[in-house]
N, C-alpha and C. Protein backbone atom coordinates (compact mmCIF):
# COMPACT_ATOMS: atom_id res chain seq x y z
N MET A 1 346.78 10.17 -27.62
CA MET A 1 345.65 9.69 -26.84
C MET A 1 344.73 8.84 -27.72
N PHE A 2 344.46 9.33 -28.92
CA PHE A 2 343.57 8.63 -29.85
C PHE A 2 344.13 7.25 -30.18
N ILE A 3 345.41 7.20 -30.50
CA ILE A 3 346.05 5.93 -30.86
C ILE A 3 346.12 5.01 -29.65
N SER A 4 346.39 5.56 -28.48
CA SER A 4 346.50 4.70 -27.29
C SER A 4 345.16 4.07 -26.93
N MET A 5 344.05 4.76 -27.18
CA MET A 5 342.74 4.17 -26.91
C MET A 5 342.47 3.02 -27.88
N TYR A 6 342.88 3.19 -29.14
CA TYR A 6 342.73 2.09 -30.10
C TYR A 6 343.64 0.92 -29.73
N ALA A 7 344.83 1.21 -29.24
CA ALA A 7 345.74 0.14 -28.82
C ALA A 7 345.15 -0.61 -27.62
N LEU A 8 344.55 0.12 -26.71
CA LEU A 8 343.91 -0.50 -25.55
C LEU A 8 342.73 -1.37 -25.98
N ALA A 9 341.96 -0.90 -26.96
CA ALA A 9 340.84 -1.70 -27.47
C ALA A 9 341.35 -2.98 -28.13
N ALA A 10 342.42 -2.88 -28.90
CA ALA A 10 342.99 -4.06 -29.54
C ALA A 10 343.55 -5.04 -28.51
N LEU A 11 344.13 -4.50 -27.45
CA LEU A 11 344.64 -5.33 -26.37
C LEU A 11 343.51 -6.10 -25.69
N HIS A 12 342.39 -5.42 -25.45
CA HIS A 12 341.24 -6.09 -24.85
C HIS A 12 340.71 -7.19 -25.76
N LEU A 13 340.65 -6.91 -27.05
CA LEU A 13 340.18 -7.92 -27.99
C LEU A 13 341.12 -9.12 -28.01
N GLY A 14 342.41 -8.85 -28.01
CA GLY A 14 343.39 -9.94 -28.00
C GLY A 14 343.29 -10.80 -26.74
N PHE A 15 343.21 -10.15 -25.58
CA PHE A 15 343.06 -10.90 -24.34
C PHE A 15 341.73 -11.65 -24.30
N GLY A 16 340.69 -11.05 -24.88
CA GLY A 16 339.39 -11.72 -24.92
C GLY A 16 339.43 -12.98 -25.76
N LEU A 17 340.12 -12.91 -26.90
CA LEU A 17 340.24 -14.10 -27.75
C LEU A 17 341.05 -15.19 -27.07
N ILE A 18 342.13 -14.79 -26.41
CA ILE A 18 342.94 -15.77 -25.69
C ILE A 18 342.13 -16.40 -24.56
N ALA A 19 341.42 -15.56 -23.79
CA ALA A 19 340.65 -16.05 -22.66
C ALA A 19 339.49 -16.94 -23.11
N ALA A 20 338.90 -16.64 -24.26
CA ALA A 20 337.78 -17.43 -24.75
C ALA A 20 338.19 -18.87 -25.03
N PHE A 21 339.43 -19.07 -25.44
CA PHE A 21 339.88 -20.42 -25.75
C PHE A 21 340.67 -21.06 -24.61
N ALA A 22 341.32 -20.26 -23.79
CA ALA A 22 342.21 -20.80 -22.76
C ALA A 22 341.51 -21.08 -21.43
N ILE A 23 340.47 -20.33 -21.11
CA ILE A 23 339.80 -20.48 -19.81
C ILE A 23 338.58 -21.37 -19.99
N PRO A 24 338.59 -22.53 -19.35
CA PRO A 24 337.43 -23.42 -19.49
C PRO A 24 336.22 -22.88 -18.71
N GLY A 25 335.07 -22.95 -19.32
CA GLY A 25 333.83 -22.53 -18.66
C GLY A 25 333.74 -21.03 -18.49
N GLY A 26 333.02 -20.38 -19.33
CA GLY A 26 332.87 -18.93 -19.20
C GLY A 26 333.78 -18.13 -20.10
N GLY A 27 334.49 -18.80 -20.97
CA GLY A 27 335.39 -18.09 -21.87
C GLY A 27 334.68 -17.14 -22.80
N ILE A 28 333.52 -17.55 -23.33
CA ILE A 28 332.79 -16.68 -24.24
C ILE A 28 332.25 -15.46 -23.51
N ALA A 29 331.89 -15.62 -22.24
CA ALA A 29 331.41 -14.47 -21.46
C ALA A 29 332.53 -13.46 -21.26
N ILE A 30 333.73 -13.96 -21.00
CA ILE A 30 334.88 -13.07 -20.85
C ILE A 30 335.15 -12.35 -22.17
N LEU A 31 335.06 -13.07 -23.27
CA LEU A 31 335.26 -12.46 -24.59
C LEU A 31 334.26 -11.34 -24.82
N LEU A 32 333.00 -11.58 -24.52
CA LEU A 32 331.98 -10.56 -24.75
C LEU A 32 332.21 -9.33 -23.88
N VAL A 33 332.59 -9.53 -22.64
CA VAL A 33 332.86 -8.39 -21.75
C VAL A 33 334.05 -7.59 -22.26
N LEU A 34 335.11 -8.26 -22.65
CA LEU A 34 336.30 -7.55 -23.13
C LEU A 34 336.05 -6.86 -24.46
N VAL A 35 335.24 -7.44 -25.33
CA VAL A 35 334.88 -6.78 -26.59
C VAL A 35 334.03 -5.54 -26.30
N ALA A 36 333.12 -5.65 -25.34
CA ALA A 36 332.31 -4.48 -24.97
C ALA A 36 333.19 -3.38 -24.39
N MET A 37 334.16 -3.74 -23.57
CA MET A 37 335.08 -2.74 -23.01
C MET A 37 335.93 -2.11 -24.12
N GLY A 38 336.37 -2.91 -25.06
CA GLY A 38 337.13 -2.38 -26.20
C GLY A 38 336.30 -1.42 -27.02
N SER A 39 335.03 -1.74 -27.21
CA SER A 39 334.13 -0.83 -27.94
C SER A 39 333.97 0.49 -27.20
N PHE A 40 333.92 0.42 -25.89
CA PHE A 40 333.83 1.64 -25.08
C PHE A 40 335.08 2.49 -25.27
N TYR A 41 336.25 1.87 -25.33
CA TYR A 41 337.49 2.63 -25.53
C TYR A 41 337.51 3.28 -26.90
N VAL A 42 337.01 2.61 -27.92
CA VAL A 42 336.93 3.21 -29.26
C VAL A 42 335.98 4.40 -29.24
N LEU A 43 334.85 4.25 -28.55
CA LEU A 43 333.91 5.36 -28.42
C LEU A 43 334.57 6.54 -27.70
N CYS A 44 335.34 6.27 -26.66
CA CYS A 44 336.05 7.33 -25.94
C CYS A 44 337.08 8.01 -26.84
N ALA A 45 337.76 7.23 -27.66
CA ALA A 45 338.77 7.80 -28.56
C ALA A 45 338.12 8.75 -29.55
N HIS A 46 336.99 8.37 -30.12
CA HIS A 46 336.31 9.24 -31.07
C HIS A 46 335.73 10.47 -30.37
N SER A 47 335.24 10.30 -29.17
CA SER A 47 334.74 11.43 -28.40
C SER A 47 335.86 12.42 -28.10
N TRP A 48 337.02 11.92 -27.74
CA TRP A 48 338.17 12.77 -27.46
C TRP A 48 338.59 13.53 -28.71
N ALA A 49 338.63 12.85 -29.85
CA ALA A 49 339.01 13.49 -31.11
C ALA A 49 338.01 14.57 -31.49
N LEU A 50 336.73 14.30 -31.31
CA LEU A 50 335.70 15.29 -31.63
C LEU A 50 335.81 16.50 -30.71
N ALA A 51 336.05 16.28 -29.43
CA ALA A 51 336.18 17.39 -28.48
C ALA A 51 337.37 18.27 -28.84
N HIS A 52 338.48 17.66 -29.24
CA HIS A 52 339.65 18.45 -29.61
C HIS A 52 339.44 19.19 -30.92
N ALA A 53 338.72 18.61 -31.85
CA ALA A 53 338.42 19.30 -33.10
C ALA A 53 337.53 20.52 -32.85
N VAL A 54 336.55 20.37 -31.98
CA VAL A 54 335.67 21.49 -31.66
C VAL A 54 336.44 22.57 -30.92
N ALA A 55 337.31 22.18 -29.99
CA ALA A 55 338.11 23.15 -29.24
C ALA A 55 339.06 23.91 -30.17
N ARG A 56 339.65 23.23 -31.14
CA ARG A 56 340.53 23.91 -32.10
C ARG A 56 339.75 24.90 -32.94
N ARG A 57 338.55 24.54 -33.33
CA ARG A 57 337.73 25.42 -34.14
C ARG A 57 337.35 26.68 -33.38
N HIS A 58 337.07 26.54 -32.09
CA HIS A 58 336.68 27.70 -31.29
C HIS A 58 337.88 28.58 -30.95
N ARG A 59 339.07 28.01 -30.91
CA ARG A 59 340.28 28.77 -30.60
C ARG A 59 340.69 29.65 -31.77
N ASP A 60 340.47 29.19 -32.98
CA ASP A 60 340.91 29.94 -34.18
C ASP A 60 340.06 31.13 -34.47
C-alpha cells in the first residue's frame, strides 16, 4: 500500500509534467493540481504507515 501510494504520486507528477507542456492554455494549472494531488497521496501513504506502526505496537 505504501509503495503503491508513492507510485500513484509519481504517476500524477509525470502526467502533470506532460500536460503542462502538451496542453495549450492552462497547462501550468493542471501541473499544480496534479502535484497537489500527488502530495496528498504521499501524505496518505505516511499516514497509513504510521497507523500500521501504532497498531503493531499495540498488538505486541
